[in-house]
Amino acid sequence: MSLLPADSELVPELRAHIEDSIRSMIQVEDEKRRDPFGIALAIVFILIAGGLVAASVLNGGWYWWLTVPGAVTGIFGIAGLAQDATKRTRDERGRPMVE
């Protein structure tokens, strides 16, 4: 605004537009939240996956089959963590709303 002339008729409109934009940004940021239950569940899945993979590596033999459920559980855990740790507008149950 300092680049505009002081007597410009656009200064009040520009100032009002900037203030409205900032107000709407603050309101949207206040509405966005993370899902703590989903984050905790995803971390549990990742820990279970790590335990399964560790058991398969340490024991060898037929225990190598534990890497399959460990990988699947780990994929679900990582996907859940990516979805629930991201700040989004959510409904009462914590599900992300379409923006």
C-alpha atoms as a PDB file:
ATOM      1  CA  MET A   1       0.000   0.000   0.000  1.00  0.00           C
ATOM      2  CA  SER A   2       2.954   2.265   0.434  1.00  0.00           C
ATOM      3  CA  LEU A   3       3.470   2.107  -3.321  1.00  0.00           C
ATOM      4  CA  LEU A   4       0.073   3.674  -3.960  1.00  0.00           C
ATOM      5  CA  PRO A   5      -0.311   7.428  -3.768  1.00  0.00           C
ATOM      6  CA  ALA A   6      -1.633   8.639  -0.419  1.00  0.00           C
ATOM      7  CA  ASP A   7      -4.693  10.223  -2.012  1.00  0.00           C
ATOM      8  CA  SER A   8      -5.603   7.117  -4.032  1.00  0.00           C
ATOM      9  CA  GLU A   9      -9.202   5.975  -3.744  1.00  0.00           C
ATOM     10  CA  LEU A  10      -8.071   2.328  -3.799  1.00  0.00           C
ATOM     11  CA  VAL A  11      -6.260   2.462  -0.454  1.00  0.00           C
ATOM     12  CA  PRO A  12      -9.371   1.988   1.743  1.00  0.00           C
ATOM     13  CA  GLU A  13     -10.690  -0.790  -0.502  1.00  0.00           C
ATOM     14  CA  LEU A  14      -7.337  -2.538  -0.543  1.00  0.00           C
ATOM     15  CA  ARG A  15      -6.994  -2.227   3.231  1.00  0.00           C
ATOM     16  CA  ALA A  16     -10.507  -3.669   3.731  1.00  0.00           C
ATOM     17  CA  HIS A  17      -9.742  -6.535   1.354  1.00  0.00           C
ATOM     18  CA  ILE A  18      -6.520  -7.383   3.183  1.00  0.00           C
ATOM     19  CA  GLU A  19      -8.247  -7.292   6.574  1.00  0.00           C
ATOM     20  CA  ASP A  20     -11.068  -9.535   5.332  1.00  0.00           C
ATOM     21  CA  SER A  21      -8.561 -11.993   3.887  1.00  0.00           C
ATOM     22  CA  ILE A  22      -6.651 -12.161   7.154  1.00  0.00           C
ATOM     23  CA  ARG A  23      -9.871 -12.663   9.148  1.00  0.00           C
ATOM     24  CA  SER A  24     -10.964 -15.540   6.910  1.00  0.00           C
ATOM     25  CA  MET A  25      -7.512 -17.163   7.110  1.00  0.00           C
ATOM     26  CA  ILE A  26      -7.588 -17.001  10.910  1.00  0.00           C
ATOM     27  CA  GLN A  27     -11.091 -18.461  11.021  1.00  0.00           C
ATOM     28  CA  VAL A  28     -10.165 -21.360   8.722  1.00  0.00           C
ATOM     29  CA  GLU A  29      -7.001 -22.103  10.703  1.00  0.00           C
ATOM     30  CA  ASP A  30      -8.989 -22.155  13.952  1.00  0.00           C
ATOM     31  CA  GLU A  31     -11.399 -24.715  12.482  1.00  0.00           C
ATOM     32  CA  LYS A  32      -8.701 -27.090  11.257  1.00  0.00           C
ATOM     33  CA  ARG A  33      -7.535 -29.772  13.652  1.00  0.00           C
ATOM     34  CA  ARG A  34      -5.820 -33.126  13.874  1.00  0.00           C
ATOM     35  CA  ASP A  35      -7.423 -36.409  14.952  1.00  0.00           C
ATOM     36  CA  PRO A  36      -5.574 -37.553  18.108  1.00  0.00           C
ATOM     37  CA  PHE A  37      -7.309 -40.950  18.273  1.00  0.00           C
ATOM     38  CA  GLY A  38      -6.381 -41.668  14.657  1.00  0.00           C
ATOM     39  CA  ILE A  39      -2.797 -40.597  15.283  1.00  0.00           C
ATOM     40  CA  ALA A  40      -2.527 -42.902  18.308  1.00  0.00           C
ATOM     41  CA  LEU A  41      -4.065 -45.798  16.378  1.00  0.00           C
ATOM     42  CA  ALA A  42      -1.687 -45.252  13.468  1.00  0.00           C
ATOM     43  CA  ILE A  43       1.303 -45.239  15.820  1.00  0.00           C
ATOM     44  CA  VAL A  44       0.087 -48.507  17.364  1.00  0.00           C
ATOM     45  CA  PHE A  45      -0.167 -50.025  13.876  1.00  0.00           C
ATOM     46  CA  ILE A  46       3.361 -48.874  13.051  1.00  0.00           C
ATOM     47  CA  LEU A  47       4.695 -50.314  16.322  1.00  0.00           C
ATOM     48  CA  ILE A  48       2.969 -53.646  15.666  1.00  0.00           C
ATOM     49  CA  ALA A  49       4.436 -53.681  12.165  1.00  0.00           C
ATOM     50  CA  GLY A  50       7.885 -52.976  13.564  1.00  0.00           C
ATOM     51  CA  GLY A  51       7.483 -55.787  16.083  1.00  0.00           C
ATOM     52  CA  LEU A  52       6.407 -58.257  13.416  1.00  0.00           C
ATOM     53  CA  VAL A  53       9.288 -57.356  11.134  1.00  0.00           C
ATOM     54  CA  ALA A  54      11.764 -57.456  14.031  1.00  0.00           C
ATOM     55  CA  ALA A  55      10.486 -60.890  15.083  1.00  0.00           C
ATOM     56  CA  SER A  56      10.858 -62.185  11.546  1.00  0.00           C
ATOM     57  CA  VAL A  57      14.407 -60.860  11.218  1.00  0.00           C
ATOM     58  CA  LEU A  58      15.554 -62.084  14.624  1.00  0.00           C
ATOM     59  CA  ASN A  59      14.028 -65.566  14.408  1.00  0.00           C
ATOM     60  CA  GLY A  60      14.502 -66.385  10.725  1.00  0.00           C
ATOM     61  CA  GLY A  61      13.138 -69.608   9.251  1.00  0.00           C
ATOM     62  CA  TRP A  62       9.374 -69.683   8.908  1.00  0.00           C
ATOM     63  CA  TYR A  63       9.163 -66.435  10.841  1.00  0.00           C
ATOM     64  CA  TRP A  64      10.033 -64.598   7.626  1.00  0.00           C
ATOM     65  CA  TRP A  65       6.348 -64.905   6.767  1.00  0.00           C
ATOM     66  CA  LEU A  66       5.689 -62.322   9.475  1.00  0.00           C
ATOM     67  CA  THR A  67       7.054 -59.655   7.150  1.00  0.00           C
ATOM     68  CA  VAL A  68       3.894 -59.895   5.018  1.00  0.00           C
ATOM     69  CA  PRO A  69       1.403 -58.953   7.763  1.00  0.00           C
ATOM     70  CA  GLY A  70       4.017 -56.568   9.134  1.00  0.00           C
ATOM     71  CA  ALA A  71       4.258 -54.772   5.802  1.00  0.00           C
ATOM     72  CA  VAL A  72       0.477 -54.583   5.399  1.00  0.00           C
ATOM     73  CA  THR A  73       0.044 -53.309   8.952  1.00  0.00           C
ATOM     74  CA  GLY A  74       2.829 -50.789   8.414  1.00  0.00           C
ATOM     75  CA  ILE A  75       1.239 -49.497   5.225  1.00  0.00           C
ATOM     76  CA  PHE A  76      -2.075 -48.990   7.026  1.00  0.00           C
ATOM     77  CA  GLY A  77      -0.275 -47.263   9.885  1.00  0.00           C
ATOM     78  CA  ILE A  78       1.633 -44.894   7.631  1.00  0.00           C
ATOM     79  CA  ALA A  79      -1.471 -44.074   5.593  1.00  0.00           C
ATOM     80  CA  GLY A  80      -3.486 -43.461   8.754  1.00  0.00           C
ATOM     81  CA  LEU A  81      -0.796 -41.265  10.222  1.00  0.00           C
ATOM     82  CA  ALA A  82      -0.576 -39.226   7.033  1.00  0.00           C
ATOM     83  CA  GLN A  83      -4.343 -38.718   7.010  1.00  0.00           C
ATOM     84  CA  ASP A  84      -4.907 -38.019  10.698  1.00  0.00           C
ATOM     85  CA  ALA A  85      -1.812 -35.949  11.479  1.00  0.00           C
ATOM     86  CA  THR A  86      -2.633 -33.426   8.760  1.00  0.00           C
ATOM     87  CA  LYS A  87      -4.610 -30.418   9.953  1.00  0.00           C
ATOM     88  CA  ARG A  88      -7.983 -30.494   8.216  1.00  0.00           C
ATOM     89  CA  THR A  89     -11.499 -29.287   8.747  1.00  0.00           C
ATOM     90  CA  ARG A  90     -13.237 -32.218  10.438  1.00  0.00           C
ATOM     91  CA  ASP A  91     -16.743 -33.121  11.519  1.00  0.00           C
ATOM     92  CA  GLU A  92     -17.743 -34.060  15.073  1.00  0.00           C
ATOM     93  CA  ARG A  93     -16.506 -37.635  14.651  1.00  0.00           C
ATOM     94  CA  GLY A  94     -13.092 -36.541  13.377  1.00  0.00           C
ATOM     95  CA  ARG A  95     -13.630 -37.444   9.732  1.00  0.00           C
ATOM     96  CA  PRO A  96     -12.120 -35.040   7.197  1.00  0.00           C
ATOM     97  CA  MET A  97     -14.633 -32.819   5.451  1.00  0.00           C
ATOM     98  CA  VAL A  98     -14.385 -31.980   1.774  1.00  0.00           C
ATOM     99  CA  GLU A  99     -13.131 -28.432   1.427  1.00  0.00           C
END
